[in-house]
Protein backbone atom coordinates (compact mmCIF):
# COMPACT_ATOMS: atom_id res chain seq x y z
CA UNK A 1 0.00 0.00 0.00
CA UNK A 2 2.90 2.35 0.62
CA UNK A 3 3.69 2.31 -3.10
CA UNK A 4 0.76 4.71 -3.62
CA UNK A 5 1.93 8.35 -3.47
CA UNK A 6 0.46 9.87 -0.31
CA UNK A 7 0.15 6.63 1.66
CA UNK A 8 2.80 6.10 4.31
CA UNK A 9 3.56 3.70 7.10
CA UNK A 10 0.98 5.11 9.53
CA UNK A 11 -1.81 4.94 6.96
CA UNK A 12 -0.98 1.42 5.84
CA UNK A 13 -0.62 0.11 9.40
CA UNK A 14 -3.88 1.73 10.48
CA UNK A 15 -5.76 0.32 7.49
CA UNK A 16 -4.39 -3.17 8.12
CA UNK A 17 -5.27 -3.04 11.82
CA UNK A 18 -8.61 -1.22 11.74
CA UNK A 19 -9.99 -2.37 8.39
CA UNK A 20 -9.50 -6.13 7.94
CA UNK A 21 -12.24 -6.12 5.27
CA UNK A 22 -9.91 -4.24 2.89
CA UNK A 23 -9.55 -6.29 -0.28
CA UNK A 24 -12.63 -8.40 0.41
CA UNK A 25 -15.50 -5.95 -0.06
CA UNK A 26 -16.44 -3.88 -3.10
CA UNK A 27 -15.63 -0.16 -3.07
CA UNK A 28 -19.17 0.99 -2.26
CA UNK A 29 -19.54 -1.21 0.81
CA UNK A 30 -16.06 -0.32 1.93
CA UNK A 31 -16.81 3.42 1.62
CA UNK A 32 -19.95 2.96 3.72
CA UNK A 33 -18.01 0.96 6.30
CA UNK A 34 -15.38 3.68 6.65
CA UNK A 35 -18.01 6.43 6.63
CA UNK A 36 -17.11 8.31 3.45
CA UNK A 37 -20.15 7.27 1.41
CA UNK A 38 -22.72 10.02 0.77
CA UNK A 39 -25.85 9.52 2.88
CA UNK A 40 -29.02 11.16 1.60
CA UNK A 41 -31.47 13.06 3.78
CA UNK A 42 -34.55 12.88 1.61
CA UNK A 43 -38.12 12.86 2.82
CA UNK A 44 -41.06 12.94 0.42
CA UNK A 45 -40.60 15.85 -1.98
CA UNK A 46 -37.75 17.36 0.02
CA UNK A 47 -34.27 16.64 -1.27
CA UNK A 48 -31.57 17.23 1.33
CA UNK A 49 -27.87 17.71 0.96
CA UNK A 50 -25.76 14.55 0.93
CA UNK A 51 -23.25 14.15 3.74
CA UNK A 52 -20.98 11.52 5.21
CA UNK A 53 -21.68 9.97 8.59
CA UNK A 54 -20.88 7.01 10.81
CA UNK A 55 -18.24 4.47 10.03
CA UNK A 56 -14.85 3.96 11.55
CA UNK A 57 -13.52 7.29 12.72
CA UNK A 58 -9.89 6.32 13.13
CA UNK A 59 -9.69 5.02 9.58
CA UNK A 60 -11.44 8.14 8.28
CA UNK A 61 -8.99 10.44 10.10
CA UNK A 62 -5.95 8.65 8.70
CA UNK A 63 -7.47 8.50 5.22
CA UNK A 64 -8.16 12.24 5.37
CA UNK A 65 -4.52 13.07 6.05
CA UNK A 66 -3.30 10.64 3.41
CA UNK A 67 -5.67 12.21 0.88
CA UNK A 68 -4.39 15.71 1.66
CA UNK A 69 -0.90 14.52 0.74
CA UNK A 70 -2.14 12.48 -2.22
CA UNK A 71 -3.96 15.38 -3.93
CA UNK A 72 -0.63 17.15 -3.94
CA UNK A 73 1.70 14.33 -5.04
CA UNK A 74 -0.45 11.61 -6.65
CA UNK A 75 -1.16 12.55 -10.30
CA UNK A 76 -4.41 10.54 -10.47
CA UNK A 77 -5.95 12.05 -7.35
CA UNK A 78 -4.58 15.50 -8.12
CA UNK A 79 -6.35 15.52 -11.50
CA UNK A 80 -9.56 14.16 -9.93
CA UNK A 81 -9.53 16.84 -7.21
CA UNK A 82 -8.78 19.70 -9.60
CA UNK A 83 -11.48 18.53 -12.00
CA UNK A 84 -14.11 18.50 -9.24
CA UNK A 85 -13.10 21.95 -7.99
CA UNK A 86 -13.13 23.37 -11.53
CA UNK A 87 -16.66 22.02 -12.00
CA UNK A 88 -17.79 24.01 -8.98
CA UNK A 89 -17.71 21.48 -6.16
CA UNK A 90 -16.72 22.84 -2.75
CA UNK A 91 -13.17 21.90 -1.80
CA UNK A 92 -14.23 19.79 1.18
CA UNK A 93 -16.68 17.81 -1.00
CA UNK A 94 -13.94 17.26 -3.57
CA UNK A 95 -11.59 16.10 -0.81
CA UNK A 96 -14.11 13.53 0.46
CA UNK A 97 -14.61 12.29 -3.11
CA UNK A 98 -10.84 11.83 -3.35
CA UNK A 99 -10.90 9.94 -0.05
CA UNK A 100 -13.39 7.50 -1.59
CA UNK A 101 -11.23 7.21 -4.70
CA UNK A 102 -8.06 6.56 -2.68
CA UNK A 103 -9.88 3.94 -0.63
CA UNK A 104 -10.99 2.25 -3.86
CA UNK A 105 -7.43 2.29 -5.19
CA UNK A 106 -6.08 0.78 -1.97
CA UNK A 107 -8.83 -1.84 -2.00
CA UNK A 108 -7.88 -2.88 -5.54
CA UNK A 109 -4.18 -3.00 -4.65
CA UNK A 110 -4.79 -5.23 -1.63
CA UNK A 111 -7.17 -7.47 -3.62
CA UNK A 112 -4.78 -7.95 -6.53
CA UNK A 113 -1.54 -7.92 -4.55
CA UNK A 114 0.22 -5.67 -7.05
CA UNK A 115 1.92 -2.36 -6.18
CA UNK A 116 0.87 1.06 -7.48
CA UNK A 117 1.55 1.61 -11.16
CA UNK A 118 1.51 5.14 -12.49
CA UNK A 119 -0.38 5.45 -15.77
């Protein structure tokens, strides 16, 4: 996991210890388990704003810090973040979307057992 730009020893150790489901679940279930999946607040005709909630707080905290580094040094996440901000998304929303993307990348790396490969 440390082959991914932005993911260090603390992040990889925390994910291994706190998230044993990594590599076994699909990315949507994993995002919900960590607490970075958008939860709707709809009722009848009212459409509320989506937000994240619940999940494993320790994993979310570590993933947040890793994502801050990754949007600066990882070319894939940097392009994803800049594209979302350019399309008008608030920066915090774009950051959470990058957290989900990074979690999906790490999930695929653990599942396949291959290190990060830059495109």
